[in-house]
Amino acid sequence: MRHRKFIAEQVIKEIKDARIWDAPIVTEVKPYIKFYNAEDYHRDYFERHPEQGYCQAVIAPKVAKFRKKWESKLRS
């Protein structure tokens, strides 16, 4: 688990150092106490509803930008 924490912290640092956003990164890496699964209708929403306006106008461009920026770190 420590290895995953280290990787997550390194990625957060890289994103901060890249200054992609004007606002600070506020993500915390810490052990969870309790995990709540999302309801079924929330799971994989973007994948299941790519035709939805919000998915096309907001999510798709963000996903494309993320993939382009971090493609070297993504699994094939």
N, C-alpha and C. Protein backbone atom coordinates (compact mmCIF):
# COMPACT_ATOMS: atom_id res chain seq x y z
N MET A 1 0.83 -1.19 0.00
CA MET A 1 0.00 0.00 0.00
C MET A 1 0.87 1.26 0.00
N ARG A 2 2.01 1.21 0.67
CA ARG A 2 2.90 2.37 0.70
C ARG A 2 3.34 2.78 -0.70
N HIS A 3 3.57 1.78 -1.55
CA HIS A 3 4.02 2.05 -2.91
C HIS A 3 2.95 2.86 -3.67
N ARG A 4 1.69 2.49 -3.51
CA ARG A 4 0.60 3.22 -4.18
C ARG A 4 0.51 4.64 -3.66
N LYS A 5 0.69 4.82 -2.37
CA LYS A 5 0.66 6.16 -1.79
C LYS A 5 1.78 7.00 -2.37
N PHE A 6 2.96 6.42 -2.48
CA PHE A 6 4.11 7.12 -3.04
C PHE A 6 3.83 7.55 -4.49
N ILE A 7 3.29 6.62 -5.28
CA ILE A 7 2.97 6.95 -6.68
C ILE A 7 1.94 8.06 -6.75
N ALA A 8 0.89 7.97 -5.95
CA ALA A 8 -0.15 9.00 -5.95
C ALA A 8 0.43 10.35 -5.58
N GLU A 9 1.27 10.39 -4.57
CA GLU A 9 1.88 11.65 -4.15
C GLU A 9 2.81 12.21 -5.22
N GLN A 10 3.52 11.34 -5.93
CA GLN A 10 4.39 11.79 -7.00
C GLN A 10 3.59 12.39 -8.16
N VAL A 11 2.47 11.75 -8.51
CA VAL A 11 1.62 12.27 -9.59
C VAL A 11 1.03 13.62 -9.20
N ILE A 12 0.58 13.75 -7.98
CA ILE A 12 0.05 15.03 -7.50
C ILE A 12 1.13 16.10 -7.58
N LYS A 13 2.34 15.75 -7.19
CA LYS A 13 3.46 16.71 -7.27
C LYS A 13 3.73 17.11 -8.71
N GLU A 14 3.73 16.13 -9.62
CA GLU A 14 3.96 16.45 -11.04
C GLU A 14 2.88 17.39 -11.57
N ILE A 15 1.64 17.13 -11.19
CA ILE A 15 0.54 17.99 -11.65
C ILE A 15 0.70 19.39 -11.07
N LYS A 16 1.03 19.47 -9.79
CA LYS A 16 1.26 20.79 -9.18
C LYS A 16 2.40 21.52 -9.87
N ASP A 17 3.51 20.81 -10.10
CA ASP A 17 4.69 21.42 -10.73
C ASP A 17 4.40 21.87 -12.16
N ALA A 18 3.50 21.16 -12.85
CA ALA A 18 3.15 21.51 -14.23
C ALA A 18 2.27 22.76 -14.30
N ARG A 19 1.71 23.14 -13.15
CA ARG A 19 0.85 24.33 -13.08
C ARG A 19 -0.24 24.34 -14.14
N ILE A 20 -0.93 23.22 -14.23
CA ILE A 20 -2.01 23.06 -15.20
C ILE A 20 -3.19 23.95 -14.85
N TRP A 21 -3.49 24.03 -13.57
CA TRP A 21 -4.64 24.82 -13.11
C TRP A 21 -4.16 25.98 -12.25
N ASP A 22 -4.95 27.04 -12.25
CA ASP A 22 -4.64 28.20 -11.42
C ASP A 22 -4.89 27.90 -9.94
N ALA A 23 -5.91 27.11 -9.67
CA ALA A 23 -6.26 26.77 -8.28
C ALA A 23 -5.34 25.66 -7.78
N PRO A 24 -5.10 25.62 -6.48
CA PRO A 24 -4.23 24.57 -5.94
C PRO A 24 -4.90 23.19 -5.98
N ILE A 25 -4.08 22.15 -6.03
CA ILE A 25 -4.57 20.77 -5.93
C ILE A 25 -4.91 20.54 -4.46
N VAL A 26 -6.10 20.05 -4.19
CA VAL A 26 -6.52 19.85 -2.81
C VAL A 26 -6.71 18.37 -2.47
N THR A 27 -6.33 17.50 -3.38
CA THR A 27 -6.47 16.07 -3.16
C THR A 27 -5.57 15.63 -2.01
N GLU A 28 -6.11 14.82 -1.13
CA GLU A 28 -5.35 14.26 -0.03
C GLU A 28 -5.19 12.76 -0.26
N VAL A 29 -4.05 12.23 0.09
CA VAL A 29 -3.81 10.79 0.02
C VAL A 29 -3.73 10.29 1.45
N LYS A 30 -4.76 9.57 1.85
CA LYS A 30 -4.78 9.03 3.21
C LYS A 30 -5.64 7.78 3.24
N PRO A 31 -5.45 6.94 4.21
CA PRO A 31 -6.25 5.71 4.29
C PRO A 31 -7.72 6.03 4.47
N TYR A 32 -8.55 5.24 3.83
CA TYR A 32 -9.98 5.45 4.02
C TYR A 32 -10.47 4.65 5.21
N ILE A 33 -11.50 5.15 5.82
CA ILE A 33 -12.08 4.46 6.96
C ILE A 33 -13.25 3.61 6.51
N LYS A 34 -14.09 4.18 5.66
CA LYS A 34 -15.23 3.45 5.14
C LYS A 34 -15.45 3.85 3.70
N PHE A 35 -15.72 2.89 2.84
CA PHE A 35 -15.93 3.15 1.43
C PHE A 35 -17.38 2.87 1.09
N TYR A 36 -17.99 3.78 0.38
CA TYR A 36 -19.38 3.61 -0.05
C TYR A 36 -19.41 3.47 -1.57
N ASN A 37 -19.92 2.37 -2.05
CA ASN A 37 -20.06 2.18 -3.49
C ASN A 37 -21.13 3.12 -4.02
N ALA A 38 -20.91 3.62 -5.22
CA ALA A 38 -21.91 4.46 -5.87
C ALA A 38 -23.08 3.58 -6.32
N GLU A 39 -24.23 4.20 -6.45
CA GLU A 39 -25.38 3.47 -6.96
C GLU A 39 -25.08 3.05 -8.40
N ASP A 40 -25.73 1.98 -8.85
CA ASP A 40 -25.47 1.44 -10.18
C ASP A 40 -25.61 2.50 -11.27
N TYR A 41 -26.62 3.36 -11.17
CA TYR A 41 -26.85 4.33 -12.24
C TYR A 41 -25.76 5.40 -12.32
N HIS A 42 -24.90 5.51 -11.32
CA HIS A 42 -23.79 6.45 -11.35
C HIS A 42 -22.52 5.83 -11.93
N ARG A 43 -22.43 4.53 -11.88
CA ARG A 43 -21.20 3.84 -12.30
C ARG A 43 -21.02 3.90 -13.81
N ASP A 44 -19.81 4.23 -14.22
CA ASP A 44 -19.46 4.26 -15.65
C ASP A 44 -20.39 5.15 -16.46
N TYR A 45 -20.87 6.23 -15.87
CA TYR A 45 -21.86 7.09 -16.53
C TYR A 45 -21.34 7.63 -17.85
N PHE A 46 -20.13 8.15 -17.87
CA PHE A 46 -19.56 8.72 -19.09
C PHE A 46 -19.45 7.66 -20.18
N GLU A 47 -19.01 6.49 -19.79
CA GLU A 47 -18.86 5.39 -20.75
C GLU A 47 -20.22 4.94 -21.30
N ARG A 48 -21.22 4.92 -20.46
CA ARG A 48 -22.55 4.44 -20.87
C ARG A 48 -23.40 5.51 -21.55
N HIS A 49 -23.09 6.79 -21.35
CA HIS A 49 -23.91 7.87 -21.89
C HIS A 49 -23.08 8.94 -22.60
N PRO A 50 -22.24 8.54 -23.54
CA PRO A 50 -21.38 9.54 -24.20
C PRO A 50 -22.17 10.56 -25.02
N GLU A 51 -23.41 10.24 -25.35
CA GLU A 51 -24.23 11.15 -26.16
C GLU A 51 -24.85 12.29 -25.33
N GLN A 52 -24.84 12.17 -24.03
CA GLN A 52 -25.42 13.20 -23.16
C GLN A 52 -24.66 14.52 -23.34
N GLY A 53 -25.38 15.61 -23.34
CA GLY A 53 -24.79 16.93 -23.54
C GLY A 53 -23.65 17.24 -22.59
N TYR A 54 -23.86 16.95 -21.31
CA TYR A 54 -22.82 17.23 -20.31
C TYR A 54 -21.57 16.41 -20.61
N CYS A 55 -21.77 15.16 -20.99
CA CYS A 55 -20.62 14.30 -21.30
C CYS A 55 -19.85 14.83 -22.50
N GLN A 56 -20.57 15.28 -23.52
CA GLN A 56 -19.93 15.78 -24.73
C GLN A 56 -19.26 17.13 -24.51
N ALA A 57 -19.95 18.02 -23.79
CA ALA A 57 -19.46 19.39 -23.65
C ALA A 57 -18.43 19.57 -22.53
N VAL A 58 -18.52 18.77 -21.48
CA VAL A 58 -17.67 18.99 -20.32
C VAL A 58 -16.69 17.84 -20.09
N ILE A 59 -17.21 16.63 -20.00
CA ILE A 59 -16.36 15.51 -19.62
C ILE A 59 -15.41 15.10 -20.74
N ALA A 60 -15.92 14.93 -21.96
CA ALA A 60 -15.08 14.45 -23.08
C ALA A 60 -13.86 15.34 -23.31
N PRO A 61 -14.00 16.67 -23.35
CA PRO A 61 -12.80 17.50 -23.54
C PRO A 61 -11.79 17.36 -22.40
N LYS A 62 -12.28 17.21 -21.18
CA LYS A 62 -11.37 17.04 -20.04
C LYS A 62 -10.64 15.71 -20.12
N VAL A 63 -11.35 14.66 -20.49
CA VAL A 63 -10.72 13.34 -20.62
C VAL A 63 -9.68 13.37 -21.74
N ALA A 64 -10.02 14.00 -22.88
CA ALA A 64 -9.08 14.09 -24.00
C ALA A 64 -7.84 14.87 -23.60
N LYS A 65 -8.01 15.98 -22.91
CA LYS A 65 -6.87 16.79 -22.47
C LYS A 65 -5.99 16.00 -21.50
N PHE A 66 -6.62 15.30 -20.58
CA PHE A 66 -5.89 14.49 -19.61
C PHE A 66 -5.09 13.40 -20.31
N ARG A 67 -5.76 12.69 -21.24
CA ARG A 67 -5.07 11.60 -21.95
C ARG A 67 -3.89 12.12 -22.76
N LYS A 68 -4.05 13.26 -23.41
CA LYS A 68 -2.97 13.83 -24.19
C LYS A 68 -1.79 14.21 -23.30
N LYS A 69 -2.09 14.86 -22.19
CA LYS A 69 -1.06 15.34 -21.28
C LYS A 69 -0.30 14.20 -20.61
N TRP A 70 -1.01 13.15 -20.22
CA TRP A 70 -0.43 12.08 -19.42
C TRP A 70 -0.37 10.74 -20.14
N GLU A 71 -0.39 10.76 -21.49
CA GLU A 71 -0.43 9.48 -22.24
C GLU A 71 0.75 8.57 -21.92
N SER A 72 1.90 9.13 -21.59
CA SER A 72 3.06 8.29 -21.28
C SER A 72 2.88 7.52 -19.97
N LYS A 73 1.96 7.98 -19.12
CA LYS A 73 1.74 7.31 -17.84
C LYS A 73 0.52 6.38 -17.86
N LEU A 74 -0.27 6.44 -18.93
CA LEU A 74 -1.48 5.63 -19.01
C LEU A 74 -1.19 4.24 -19.56
N ARG A 75 -1.93 3.28 -19.09
CA ARG A 75 -1.81 1.92 -19.62
C ARG A 75 -2.49 1.86 -20.98
N SER A 76 -1.97 1.01 -21.85
CA SER A 76 -2.56 0.86 -23.19
C SER A 76 -3.85 0.08 -23.12
